[in-house]
Amino acid sequence: VAVSAVALLNHRPDLVLPWVRWALTPRGGSASLTDLRISLNPPSLAISGLSIAWPPPEGDLLHLDHLQVELIPGRFFHGGSWLRNVEARGLVFERLHPRDTKGPPDLTPLNRLFDIEELSLTDSRLRIAFPQGDLSADRLRMRLAPGEGGIRRFNGSAELAFRRNGATIADGTLSAHGLMTPGSLIDAHLELANARLNLPWLAGDVSGQTALKMT
């Protein structure tokens, strides 16, 4: 079945794309996909023009200009990072309605980074609504590169802004660099620059830096 699906994608992708769009469509929502390609040597997947819209009340939106993933099939059986290279361009995620949350934010999705040996994320942005206001991250980029002993180095940056009722409360550029060690340790250095705080009772320029370790 897998070989037949790959053959269809290579020779008649127009026959397979409707199935993939159907599989990606959330219940009550919509999805579109411009192109999908699979290669066996090396094992890789490439998609272009992906858009997914979730139904109300969530109403989340996801768009991706291009994604290319190279797999390491042997790692499925022996453990370790099973994605050799991931390139994502033009990722846009919008959460237009705040969610009712209790407790600290859930950071477990960061574990997916340990499945990737090399990552390039460019030309991306996020829009997330919170009960207190809207957080946006523009010009989001991230680079993850393999190093010695399984240690991977990463760096990235984003232009952050927090708005409430259409007014900008805070904005600035956040940059990060650090190491990811095999297992589950992220050792990062964060720096905030060119930042501004605009509160009714406190306003001015802001800058700072900190070290962060996460397991």
N, C-alpha and C. Protein backbone atom coordinates (compact mmCIF):
# COMPACT_ATOMS: atom_id res chain seq x y z
N VAL A 1 0.84 -1.21 0.00
CA VAL A 1 0.00 0.00 0.00
C VAL A 1 0.87 1.25 0.00
N ALA A 2 1.94 1.25 0.83
CA ALA A 2 2.82 2.42 0.89
C ALA A 2 3.50 2.67 -0.45
N VAL A 3 3.99 1.58 -1.09
CA VAL A 3 4.65 1.75 -2.39
C VAL A 3 3.66 2.26 -3.43
N SER A 4 2.45 1.76 -3.41
CA SER A 4 1.44 2.23 -4.35
C SER A 4 1.10 3.69 -4.13
N ALA A 5 1.03 4.10 -2.85
CA ALA A 5 0.74 5.50 -2.55
C ALA A 5 1.86 6.41 -3.05
N VAL A 6 3.12 5.98 -2.85
CA VAL A 6 4.25 6.78 -3.32
C VAL A 6 4.24 6.86 -4.85
N ALA A 7 3.94 5.74 -5.51
CA ALA A 7 3.89 5.75 -6.97
C ALA A 7 2.80 6.69 -7.47
N LEU A 8 1.65 6.67 -6.83
CA LEU A 8 0.57 7.58 -7.22
C LEU A 8 0.98 9.03 -7.02
N LEU A 9 1.67 9.33 -5.88
CA LEU A 9 2.10 10.70 -5.63
C LEU A 9 3.11 11.17 -6.66
N ASN A 10 3.97 10.27 -7.12
CA ASN A 10 4.98 10.65 -8.10
C ASN A 10 4.39 10.82 -9.50
N HIS A 11 3.41 9.98 -9.86
CA HIS A 11 2.92 9.99 -11.23
C HIS A 11 1.54 10.62 -11.38
N ARG A 12 0.69 10.48 -10.35
CA ARG A 12 -0.66 11.06 -10.42
C ARG A 12 -1.01 11.72 -9.09
N PRO A 13 -0.29 12.80 -8.71
CA PRO A 13 -0.58 13.43 -7.42
C PRO A 13 -1.99 14.00 -7.33
N ASP A 14 -2.60 14.28 -8.50
CA ASP A 14 -3.96 14.81 -8.49
C ASP A 14 -4.97 13.81 -7.92
N LEU A 15 -4.61 12.50 -7.97
CA LEU A 15 -5.52 11.49 -7.43
C LEU A 15 -5.39 11.35 -5.90
N VAL A 16 -4.23 11.71 -5.35
CA VAL A 16 -3.97 11.51 -3.92
C VAL A 16 -4.28 12.76 -3.11
N LEU A 17 -4.08 13.94 -3.69
CA LEU A 17 -4.26 15.18 -2.95
C LEU A 17 -5.64 15.30 -2.29
N PRO A 18 -6.74 14.93 -2.97
CA PRO A 18 -8.05 15.04 -2.29
C PRO A 18 -8.13 14.19 -1.03
N TRP A 19 -7.51 13.00 -1.01
CA TRP A 19 -7.51 12.19 0.19
C TRP A 19 -6.77 12.89 1.32
N VAL A 20 -5.61 13.48 0.99
CA VAL A 20 -4.80 14.15 2.01
C VAL A 20 -5.55 15.36 2.56
N ARG A 21 -6.18 16.13 1.67
CA ARG A 21 -6.95 17.30 2.15
C ARG A 21 -8.06 16.84 3.09
N TRP A 22 -8.73 15.76 2.73
CA TRP A 22 -9.81 15.24 3.58
C TRP A 22 -9.27 14.83 4.95
N ALA A 23 -8.09 14.17 4.98
CA ALA A 23 -7.51 13.71 6.24
C ALA A 23 -7.09 14.89 7.11
N LEU A 24 -6.69 16.00 6.50
CA LEU A 24 -6.22 17.16 7.26
C LEU A 24 -7.35 18.08 7.70
N THR A 25 -8.53 17.90 7.17
CA THR A 25 -9.64 18.81 7.48
C THR A 25 -10.23 18.51 8.85
N PRO A 26 -10.19 19.47 9.79
CA PRO A 26 -10.82 19.23 11.10
C PRO A 26 -12.34 19.20 10.97
N ARG A 27 -12.98 18.50 11.87
CA ARG A 27 -14.44 18.40 11.83
C ARG A 27 -15.07 19.79 11.94
N GLY A 28 -15.86 20.14 10.95
CA GLY A 28 -16.49 21.45 10.93
C GLY A 28 -15.62 22.56 10.38
N GLY A 29 -14.38 22.25 10.03
CA GLY A 29 -13.46 23.26 9.51
C GLY A 29 -13.16 23.05 8.04
N SER A 30 -12.01 23.56 7.60
CA SER A 30 -11.63 23.43 6.20
C SER A 30 -10.12 23.29 6.09
N ALA A 31 -9.67 22.75 4.95
CA ALA A 31 -8.23 22.58 4.71
C ALA A 31 -7.98 22.63 3.21
N SER A 32 -6.83 23.17 2.85
CA SER A 32 -6.41 23.19 1.45
C SER A 32 -4.92 22.86 1.38
N LEU A 33 -4.52 22.26 0.27
CA LEU A 33 -3.13 21.85 0.08
C LEU A 33 -2.81 21.95 -1.40
N THR A 34 -1.76 22.70 -1.73
CA THR A 34 -1.41 22.92 -3.13
C THR A 34 -0.61 21.78 -3.72
N ASP A 35 0.38 21.29 -2.96
CA ASP A 35 1.28 20.28 -3.53
C ASP A 35 1.79 19.37 -2.43
N LEU A 36 1.99 18.09 -2.77
CA LEU A 36 2.52 17.09 -1.85
C LEU A 36 3.42 16.15 -2.63
N ARG A 37 4.65 15.97 -2.13
CA ARG A 37 5.60 15.08 -2.81
C ARG A 37 6.30 14.20 -1.79
N ILE A 38 6.49 12.92 -2.18
CA ILE A 38 7.19 11.96 -1.33
C ILE A 38 8.32 11.34 -2.14
N SER A 39 9.48 11.20 -1.49
CA SER A 39 10.64 10.58 -2.12
C SER A 39 11.15 9.46 -1.22
N LEU A 40 11.65 8.38 -1.84
CA LEU A 40 12.17 7.25 -1.08
C LEU A 40 13.68 7.29 -0.91
N ASN A 41 14.39 8.08 -1.70
CA ASN A 41 15.85 8.12 -1.63
C ASN A 41 16.34 9.57 -1.77
N PRO A 42 16.59 10.24 -0.63
CA PRO A 42 16.37 9.79 0.75
C PRO A 42 14.89 9.87 1.11
N PRO A 43 14.45 9.17 2.15
CA PRO A 43 13.04 9.24 2.56
C PRO A 43 12.69 10.66 2.98
N SER A 44 11.79 11.29 2.26
CA SER A 44 11.47 12.68 2.55
C SER A 44 10.04 12.99 2.13
N LEU A 45 9.53 14.07 2.70
CA LEU A 45 8.18 14.55 2.42
C LEU A 45 8.24 16.05 2.24
N ALA A 46 7.54 16.57 1.22
CA ALA A 46 7.49 18.01 0.98
C ALA A 46 6.05 18.40 0.69
N ILE A 47 5.58 19.47 1.36
CA ILE A 47 4.24 19.98 1.11
C ILE A 47 4.33 21.49 0.89
N SER A 48 3.39 22.01 0.12
CA SER A 48 3.34 23.44 -0.17
C SER A 48 1.90 23.92 -0.12
N GLY A 49 1.73 25.17 0.32
CA GLY A 49 0.42 25.79 0.29
C GLY A 49 -0.60 25.12 1.19
N LEU A 50 -0.20 24.81 2.43
CA LEU A 50 -1.11 24.18 3.38
C LEU A 50 -1.84 25.25 4.18
N SER A 51 -3.17 25.14 4.26
CA SER A 51 -3.98 26.04 5.09
C SER A 51 -5.05 25.21 5.79
N ILE A 52 -5.18 25.41 7.10
CA ILE A 52 -6.18 24.70 7.90
C ILE A 52 -6.91 25.72 8.75
N ALA A 53 -8.23 25.67 8.74
CA ALA A 53 -9.06 26.54 9.57
C ALA A 53 -9.94 25.68 10.46
N TRP A 54 -9.83 25.86 11.78
CA TRP A 54 -10.66 25.13 12.72
C TRP A 54 -11.99 25.85 12.91
N PRO A 55 -13.03 25.12 13.24
CA PRO A 55 -14.36 25.75 13.37
C PRO A 55 -14.47 26.55 14.66
N PRO A 56 -15.48 27.42 14.77
CA PRO A 56 -15.75 28.11 16.03
C PRO A 56 -16.13 27.07 17.10
N PRO A 57 -15.94 27.35 18.38
CA PRO A 57 -15.50 28.65 18.90
C PRO A 57 -13.99 28.86 18.86
N GLU A 58 -13.18 27.79 18.65
CA GLU A 58 -11.73 27.98 18.64
C GLU A 58 -11.32 28.89 17.47
N GLY A 59 -11.67 28.48 16.27
CA GLY A 59 -11.39 29.31 15.10
C GLY A 59 -9.91 29.52 14.82
N ASP A 60 -9.05 28.57 15.21
CA ASP A 60 -7.62 28.70 14.94
C ASP A 60 -7.35 28.64 13.44
N LEU A 61 -6.27 29.29 13.01
CA LEU A 61 -5.86 29.29 11.60
C LEU A 61 -4.40 28.90 11.50
N LEU A 62 -4.09 28.02 10.55
CA LEU A 62 -2.72 27.59 10.30
C LEU A 62 -2.44 27.68 8.81
N HIS A 63 -1.31 28.30 8.47
CA HIS A 63 -0.89 28.37 7.07
C HIS A 63 0.61 28.07 6.99
N LEU A 64 1.00 27.37 5.95
CA LEU A 64 2.40 27.00 5.75
C LEU A 64 2.72 27.08 4.27
N ASP A 65 3.65 27.96 3.91
CA ASP A 65 4.05 28.09 2.51
C ASP A 65 4.76 26.84 2.02
N HIS A 66 5.73 26.37 2.81
CA HIS A 66 6.52 25.21 2.36
C HIS A 66 7.10 24.48 3.56
N LEU A 67 7.04 23.15 3.50
CA LEU A 67 7.63 22.29 4.52
C LEU A 67 8.29 21.11 3.85
N GLN A 68 9.55 20.86 4.22
CA GLN A 68 10.26 19.70 3.71
C GLN A 68 10.89 18.95 4.88
N VAL A 69 10.64 17.65 4.93
CA VAL A 69 11.09 16.82 6.04
C VAL A 69 11.84 15.62 5.50
N GLU A 70 13.04 15.39 6.02
CA GLU A 70 13.83 14.20 5.66
C GLU A 70 13.86 13.27 6.87
N LEU A 71 13.47 12.02 6.66
CA LEU A 71 13.33 11.06 7.74
C LEU A 71 14.56 10.18 7.91
N ILE A 72 14.68 9.61 9.11
CA ILE A 72 15.68 8.58 9.38
C ILE A 72 14.90 7.34 9.84
N PRO A 73 14.45 6.49 8.93
CA PRO A 73 13.55 5.38 9.30
C PRO A 73 14.11 4.45 10.37
N GLY A 74 15.43 4.20 10.36
CA GLY A 74 16.01 3.28 11.32
C GLY A 74 15.83 3.72 12.76
N ARG A 75 15.69 5.03 12.99
CA ARG A 75 15.53 5.54 14.36
C ARG A 75 14.19 5.15 14.96
N PHE A 76 13.21 4.80 14.12
CA PHE A 76 11.93 4.37 14.66
C PHE A 76 12.10 3.12 15.53
N PHE A 77 13.12 2.30 15.22
CA PHE A 77 13.32 1.03 15.92
C PHE A 77 14.43 1.11 16.96
N HIS A 78 15.38 2.05 16.78
CA HIS A 78 16.54 2.11 17.66
C HIS A 78 16.54 3.33 18.56
N GLY A 79 15.58 4.23 18.42
CA GLY A 79 15.51 5.42 19.24
C GLY A 79 16.37 6.55 18.70
N GLY A 80 16.24 7.71 19.30
CA GLY A 80 17.00 8.88 18.86
C GLY A 80 16.17 9.74 17.92
N SER A 81 16.79 10.82 17.45
CA SER A 81 16.11 11.75 16.54
C SER A 81 15.77 11.04 15.24
N TRP A 82 14.50 11.10 14.83
CA TRP A 82 14.09 10.38 13.62
C TRP A 82 13.81 11.34 12.44
N LEU A 83 14.05 12.63 12.65
CA LEU A 83 13.95 13.61 11.57
C LEU A 83 15.34 14.20 11.33
N ARG A 84 15.92 13.93 10.17
CA ARG A 84 17.27 14.41 9.90
C ARG A 84 17.29 15.90 9.63
N ASN A 85 16.34 16.36 8.82
CA ASN A 85 16.33 17.76 8.42
C ASN A 85 14.90 18.23 8.23
N VAL A 86 14.56 19.37 8.82
CA VAL A 86 13.23 19.97 8.68
C VAL A 86 13.42 21.41 8.24
N GLU A 87 12.80 21.77 7.12
CA GLU A 87 12.83 23.14 6.63
C GLU A 87 11.39 23.64 6.50
N ALA A 88 11.08 24.71 7.21
CA ALA A 88 9.74 25.29 7.18
C ALA A 88 9.84 26.77 6.84
N ARG A 89 9.00 27.21 5.92
CA ARG A 89 9.02 28.60 5.50
C ARG A 89 7.58 29.13 5.42
N GLY A 90 7.40 30.34 5.92
CA GLY A 90 6.08 30.97 5.83
C GLY A 90 5.05 30.32 6.73
N LEU A 91 5.46 29.94 7.96
CA LEU A 91 4.51 29.37 8.92
C LEU A 91 3.74 30.50 9.59
N VAL A 92 2.43 30.41 9.57
CA VAL A 92 1.56 31.39 10.23
C VAL A 92 0.55 30.64 11.08
N PHE A 93 0.49 31.00 12.36
CA PHE A 93 -0.51 30.41 13.25
C PHE A 93 -1.24 31.53 13.97
N GLU A 94 -2.57 31.50 13.94
CA GLU A 94 -3.38 32.52 14.58
C GLU A 94 -4.42 31.86 15.48
N ARG A 95 -4.41 32.24 16.73
CA ARG A 95 -5.46 31.84 17.69
C ARG A 95 -6.22 33.11 18.03
N LEU A 96 -7.37 33.28 17.40
CA LEU A 96 -8.09 34.54 17.45
C LEU A 96 -8.94 34.69 18.70
N HIS A 97 -9.21 33.58 19.40
CA HIS A 97 -10.06 33.63 20.59
C HIS A 97 -9.31 33.03 21.76
N PRO A 98 -9.28 33.72 22.90
CA PRO A 98 -8.53 33.19 24.05
C PRO A 98 -9.15 31.93 24.60
N ARG A 99 -8.30 31.07 25.14
CA ARG A 99 -8.75 29.83 25.76
C ARG A 99 -8.78 30.01 27.28
N ASP A 100 -9.69 29.29 27.90
CA ASP A 100 -9.73 29.27 29.36
C ASP A 100 -8.67 28.30 29.85
N THR A 101 -7.62 28.82 30.48
CA THR A 101 -6.52 27.99 30.94
C THR A 101 -6.34 28.15 32.44
N LYS A 102 -5.86 27.07 33.08
CA LYS A 102 -5.55 27.10 34.49
C LYS A 102 -4.13 26.62 34.69
N GLY A 103 -3.40 27.31 35.56
CA GLY A 103 -2.03 26.92 35.83
C GLY A 103 -1.06 27.46 34.80
N PRO A 104 0.20 27.05 34.86
CA PRO A 104 1.22 27.55 33.93
C PRO A 104 1.01 27.01 32.53
N PRO A 105 1.61 27.65 31.52
CA PRO A 105 1.46 27.18 30.15
C PRO A 105 2.08 25.80 29.95
N ASP A 106 1.51 25.03 29.05
CA ASP A 106 1.99 23.68 28.75
C ASP A 106 3.13 23.77 27.75
N LEU A 107 4.33 23.40 28.17
CA LEU A 107 5.51 23.48 27.31
C LEU A 107 5.93 22.12 26.75
N THR A 108 5.13 21.08 26.97
CA THR A 108 5.52 19.75 26.50
C THR A 108 5.71 19.68 24.98
N PRO A 109 5.04 20.51 24.14
CA PRO A 109 5.33 20.43 22.70
C PRO A 109 6.79 20.69 22.35
N LEU A 110 7.55 21.35 23.25
CA LEU A 110 8.97 21.57 22.98
C LEU A 110 9.74 20.26 22.88
N ASN A 111 9.17 19.18 23.43
CA ASN A 111 9.85 17.88 23.33
C ASN A 111 10.03 17.45 21.88
N ARG A 112 9.17 17.93 20.98
CA ARG A 112 9.28 17.54 19.57
C ARG A 112 10.60 18.01 18.97
N LEU A 113 11.21 19.05 19.55
CA LEU A 113 12.49 19.53 19.03
C LEU A 113 13.59 18.47 19.17
N PHE A 114 13.46 17.58 20.15
CA PHE A 114 14.47 16.54 20.34
C PHE A 114 14.36 15.44 19.29
N ASP A 115 13.31 15.46 18.49
CA ASP A 115 13.17 14.50 17.40
C ASP A 115 13.86 14.98 16.11
N ILE A 116 14.42 16.20 16.13
CA ILE A 116 14.96 16.82 14.93
C ILE A 116 16.46 17.03 15.08
N GLU A 117 17.23 16.62 14.07
CA GLU A 117 18.67 16.87 14.09
C GLU A 117 19.00 18.27 13.58
N GLU A 118 18.35 18.68 12.50
CA GLU A 118 18.65 19.99 11.90
C GLU A 118 17.34 20.65 11.50
N LEU A 119 17.18 21.93 11.88
CA LEU A 119 15.92 22.64 11.66
C LEU A 119 16.20 24.03 11.13
N SER A 120 15.39 24.45 10.16
CA SER A 120 15.43 25.83 9.66
C SER A 120 14.00 26.34 9.57
N LEU A 121 13.68 27.35 10.37
CA LEU A 121 12.35 27.97 10.38
C LEU A 121 12.53 29.45 10.05
N THR A 122 11.91 29.91 8.96
CA THR A 122 12.08 31.28 8.51
C THR A 122 10.74 31.88 8.11
N ASP A 123 10.72 33.22 8.10
CA ASP A 123 9.57 33.98 7.58
C ASP A 123 8.26 33.50 8.19
N SER A 124 8.23 33.44 9.52
CA SER A 124 7.06 32.91 10.21
C SER A 124 6.51 33.94 11.19
N ARG A 125 5.26 33.74 11.60
CA ARG A 125 4.66 34.65 12.59
C ARG A 125 3.54 33.95 13.35
N LEU A 126 3.31 34.45 14.55
CA LEU A 126 2.28 33.90 15.42
C LEU A 126 1.38 35.03 15.91
N ARG A 127 0.10 34.69 16.11
CA ARG A 127 -0.86 35.60 16.74
C ARG A 127 -1.68 34.77 17.72
N ILE A 128 -1.57 35.08 19.01
CA ILE A 128 -2.27 34.30 20.03
C ILE A 128 -3.02 35.25 20.94
N ALA A 129 -4.32 34.99 21.09
CA ALA A 129 -5.16 35.80 21.95
C ALA A 129 -5.20 35.21 23.36
N PHE A 130 -5.03 36.08 24.35
CA PHE A 130 -5.14 35.73 25.76
C PHE A 130 -6.24 36.58 26.38
N PRO A 131 -6.75 36.16 27.53
CA PRO A 131 -7.77 37.00 28.18
C PRO A 131 -7.28 38.42 28.46
N GLN A 132 -5.96 38.58 28.69
CA GLN A 132 -5.41 39.89 29.01
C GLN A 132 -5.07 40.73 27.78
N GLY A 133 -5.01 40.10 26.59
CA GLY A 133 -4.63 40.83 25.38
C GLY A 133 -4.11 39.87 24.32
N ASP A 134 -3.54 40.43 23.25
CA ASP A 134 -3.07 39.64 22.11
C ASP A 134 -1.55 39.71 22.02
N LEU A 135 -0.92 38.53 21.88
CA LEU A 135 0.53 38.44 21.73
C LEU A 135 0.85 38.08 20.28
N SER A 136 1.78 38.81 19.69
CA SER A 136 2.19 38.52 18.31
C SER A 136 3.71 38.37 18.26
N ALA A 137 4.18 37.50 17.36
CA ALA A 137 5.61 37.30 17.11
C ALA A 137 5.82 37.35 15.60
N ASP A 138 6.45 38.40 15.13
CA ASP A 138 6.71 38.59 13.71
C ASP A 138 8.18 38.31 13.40
N ARG A 139 8.43 38.03 12.10
CA ARG A 139 9.81 37.75 11.65
C ARG A 139 10.44 36.68 12.54
N LEU A 140 9.66 35.66 12.82
CA LEU A 140 10.12 34.56 13.67
C LEU A 140 11.03 33.65 12.87
N ARG A 141 12.19 33.37 13.41
CA ARG A 141 13.13 32.46 12.76
C ARG A 141 13.82 31.61 13.82
N MET A 142 14.23 30.41 13.42
CA MET A 142 14.97 29.53 14.32
C MET A 142 15.85 28.61 13.51
N ARG A 143 17.03 28.37 14.02
CA ARG A 143 17.99 27.48 13.38
C ARG A 143 18.52 26.49 14.40
N LEU A 144 18.45 25.20 14.09
CA LEU A 144 18.94 24.14 14.95
C LEU A 144 19.93 23.31 14.13
N ALA A 145 21.16 23.19 14.62
CA ALA A 145 22.22 22.50 13.87
C ALA A 145 22.88 21.44 14.75
N PRO A 146 23.21 20.28 14.17
CA PRO A 146 23.84 19.21 14.97
C PRO A 146 25.28 19.56 15.33
N GLY A 147 25.72 19.05 16.48
CA GLY A 147 27.08 19.25 16.93
C GLY A 147 27.69 17.94 17.40
N GLU A 148 28.80 18.03 18.10
CA GLU A 148 29.50 16.83 18.57
C GLU A 148 28.76 16.20 19.76
N GLY A 149 28.83 14.89 19.83
CA GLY A 149 28.26 14.17 20.95
C GLY A 149 26.75 14.24 21.02
N GLY A 150 26.10 14.49 19.90
CA GLY A 150 24.65 14.57 19.90
C GLY A 150 24.10 15.90 20.38
N ILE A 151 24.98 16.82 20.78
CA ILE A 151 24.54 18.15 21.21
C ILE A 151 24.20 18.99 19.99
N ARG A 152 23.07 19.68 20.06
CA ARG A 152 22.67 20.56 18.95
C ARG A 152 22.65 22.01 19.42
N ARG A 153 23.11 22.88 18.56
CA ARG A 153 23.11 24.31 18.86
C ARG A 153 21.92 24.97 18.16
N PHE A 154 21.34 25.95 18.83
CA PHE A 154 20.21 26.64 18.23
C PHE A 154 20.33 28.14 18.44
N ASN A 155 19.70 28.88 17.55
CA ASN A 155 19.58 30.32 17.71
C ASN A 155 18.31 30.75 17.00
N GLY A 156 17.79 31.88 17.41
CA GLY A 156 16.55 32.37 16.82
C GLY A 156 16.21 33.75 17.33
N SER A 157 15.20 34.36 16.73
CA SER A 157 14.76 35.69 17.14
C SER A 157 13.34 35.92 16.67
N ALA A 158 12.69 36.92 17.27
CA ALA A 158 11.34 37.30 16.89
C ALA A 158 11.06 38.71 17.40
N GLU A 159 10.22 39.43 16.68
CA GLU A 159 9.76 40.74 17.12
C GLU A 159 8.42 40.54 17.83
N LEU A 160 8.43 40.75 19.15
CA LEU A 160 7.26 40.49 19.97
C LEU A 160 6.47 41.78 20.23
N ALA A 161 5.17 41.64 20.34
CA ALA A 161 4.31 42.77 20.71
C ALA A 161 3.11 42.23 21.47
N PHE A 162 2.73 42.97 22.51
CA PHE A 162 1.54 42.62 23.28
C PHE A 162 0.57 43.80 23.21
N ARG A 163 -0.64 43.53 22.74
CA ARG A 163 -1.63 44.60 22.54
C ARG A 163 -2.89 44.30 23.33
N ARG A 164 -3.52 45.40 23.78
CA ARG A 164 -4.78 45.30 24.49
C ARG A 164 -5.72 46.40 23.99
N ASN A 165 -6.89 46.00 23.54
CA ASN A 165 -7.87 46.95 23.00
C ASN A 165 -7.28 47.81 21.88
N GLY A 166 -6.44 47.20 21.04
CA GLY A 166 -5.86 47.89 19.92
C GLY A 166 -4.64 48.72 20.23
N ALA A 167 -4.28 48.89 21.50
CA ALA A 167 -3.11 49.68 21.89
C ALA A 167 -1.95 48.76 22.25
N THR A 168 -0.74 49.13 21.84
CA THR A 168 0.46 48.34 22.13
C THR A 168 0.91 48.60 23.56
N ILE A 169 0.90 47.55 24.37
CA ILE A 169 1.32 47.66 25.76
C ILE A 169 2.83 47.47 25.90
N ALA A 170 3.38 46.54 25.12
CA ALA A 170 4.81 46.27 25.17
C ALA A 170 5.25 45.67 23.84
N ASP A 171 6.47 45.99 23.42
CA ASP A 171 7.03 45.37 22.22
C ASP A 171 8.55 45.38 22.32
N GLY A 172 9.18 44.55 21.50
CA GLY A 172 10.62 44.46 21.52
C GLY A 172 11.09 43.25 20.74
N THR A 173 12.41 43.11 20.62
CA THR A 173 13.02 42.00 19.90
C THR A 173 13.62 41.01 20.89
N LEU A 174 13.18 39.77 20.80
CA LEU A 174 13.69 38.71 21.67
C LEU A 174 14.58 37.79 20.83
N SER A 175 15.80 37.59 21.28
CA SER A 175 16.72 36.67 20.60
C SER A 175 17.17 35.61 21.59
N ALA A 176 17.52 34.45 21.06
CA ALA A 176 17.92 33.33 21.91
C ALA A 176 18.99 32.51 21.22
N HIS A 177 19.89 31.95 22.01
CA HIS A 177 20.84 30.96 21.51
C HIS A 177 21.20 30.03 22.65
N GLY A 178 21.62 28.83 22.30
CA GLY A 178 21.96 27.88 23.34
C GLY A 178 22.19 26.49 22.81
N LEU A 179 22.04 25.51 23.71
CA LEU A 179 22.34 24.12 23.39
C LEU A 179 21.17 23.23 23.78
N MET A 180 21.01 22.15 23.02
CA MET A 180 20.09 21.09 23.36
C MET A 180 20.90 19.80 23.49
N THR A 181 20.88 19.19 24.65
CA THR A 181 21.65 17.98 24.87
C THR A 181 20.74 16.76 24.72
N PRO A 182 21.32 15.61 24.35
CA PRO A 182 20.51 14.41 24.18
C PRO A 182 19.71 14.10 25.44
N GLY A 183 18.48 13.73 25.24
CA GLY A 183 17.60 13.47 26.37
C GLY A 183 16.53 14.52 26.44
N SER A 184 16.69 15.49 27.36
CA SER A 184 15.61 16.46 27.51
C SER A 184 16.08 17.76 28.17
N LEU A 185 17.26 18.24 27.85
CA LEU A 185 17.75 19.47 28.47
C LEU A 185 17.93 20.56 27.42
N ILE A 186 17.33 21.72 27.69
CA ILE A 186 17.51 22.90 26.85
C ILE A 186 18.19 23.96 27.71
N ASP A 187 19.35 24.41 27.26
CA ASP A 187 20.13 25.43 27.97
C ASP A 187 20.18 26.66 27.06
N ALA A 188 19.46 27.72 27.43
CA ALA A 188 19.29 28.86 26.54
C ALA A 188 19.72 30.16 27.19
N HIS A 189 20.15 31.08 26.36
CA HIS A 189 20.45 32.45 26.77
C HIS A 189 19.50 33.37 26.02
N LEU A 190 18.70 34.14 26.74
CA LEU A 190 17.69 35.01 26.14
C LEU A 190 18.08 36.47 26.32
N GLU A 191 17.80 37.27 25.29
CA GLU A 191 18.10 38.71 25.37
C GLU A 191 16.95 39.50 24.77
N LEU A 192 16.52 40.52 25.50
CA LEU A 192 15.46 41.41 25.04
C LEU A 192 16.08 42.77 24.74
N ALA A 193 15.84 43.27 23.52
CA ALA A 193 16.45 44.53 23.10
C ALA A 193 15.42 45.36 22.33
N ASN A 194 15.71 46.66 22.22
CA ASN A 194 14.83 47.59 21.49
C ASN A 194 13.39 47.47 21.94
N ALA A 195 13.20 47.31 23.26
CA ALA A 195 11.87 47.07 23.80
C ALA A 195 11.31 48.34 24.45
N ARG A 196 9.99 48.39 24.48
CA ARG A 196 9.30 49.56 25.02
C ARG A 196 8.08 49.09 25.81
N LEU A 197 7.89 49.69 26.98
CA LEU A 197 6.75 49.39 27.83
C LEU A 197 5.85 50.62 27.91
N ASN A 198 4.55 50.43 27.67
CA ASN A 198 3.60 51.55 27.65
C ASN A 198 2.38 51.22 28.50
N LEU A 199 2.52 51.39 29.80
CA LEU A 199 1.42 51.21 30.74
C LEU A 199 0.97 52.58 31.26
N PRO A 200 -0.27 52.70 31.69
CA PRO A 200 -0.72 53.99 32.21
C PRO A 200 0.12 54.48 33.40
N TRP A 201 0.65 53.56 34.17
CA TRP A 201 1.40 53.94 35.37
C TRP A 201 2.91 53.71 35.25
N LEU A 202 3.36 53.17 34.10
CA LEU A 202 4.79 52.92 33.89
C LEU A 202 5.08 52.85 32.40
N ALA A 203 6.03 53.66 31.93
CA ALA A 203 6.39 53.66 30.51
C ALA A 203 7.88 53.95 30.38
N GLY A 204 8.48 53.36 29.35
CA GLY A 204 9.90 53.60 29.10
C GLY A 204 10.54 52.47 28.33
N ASP A 205 11.83 52.62 28.05
CA ASP A 205 12.60 51.60 27.34
C ASP A 205 12.97 50.47 28.28
N VAL A 206 13.02 49.26 27.72
CA VAL A 206 13.30 48.07 28.51
C VAL A 206 14.35 47.24 27.79
N SER A 207 15.27 46.65 28.55
CA SER A 207 16.21 45.68 27.99
C SER A 207 16.60 44.72 29.11
N GLY A 208 17.05 43.55 28.71
CA GLY A 208 17.45 42.58 29.73
C GLY A 208 17.91 41.28 29.11
N GLN A 209 18.48 40.44 29.94
CA GLN A 209 18.92 39.12 29.48
C GLN A 209 18.87 38.15 30.64
N THR A 210 18.73 36.89 30.31
CA THR A 210 18.64 35.87 31.34
C THR A 210 19.10 34.52 30.79
N ALA A 211 19.46 33.63 31.66
CA ALA A 211 19.80 32.25 31.31
C ALA A 211 18.66 31.36 31.75
N LEU A 212 18.34 30.37 30.93
CA LEU A 212 17.20 29.52 31.18
C LEU A 212 17.57 28.06 30.91
N LYS A 213 17.27 27.19 31.87
CA LYS A 213 17.47 25.76 31.70
C LYS A 213 16.14 25.07 31.88
N MET A 214 15.79 24.22 30.92
CA MET A 214 14.52 23.50 30.96
C MET A 214 14.77 22.01 30.76
N THR A 215 14.08 21.20 31.55
CA THR A 215 14.15 19.75 31.37
C THR A 215 12.76 19.21 31.15
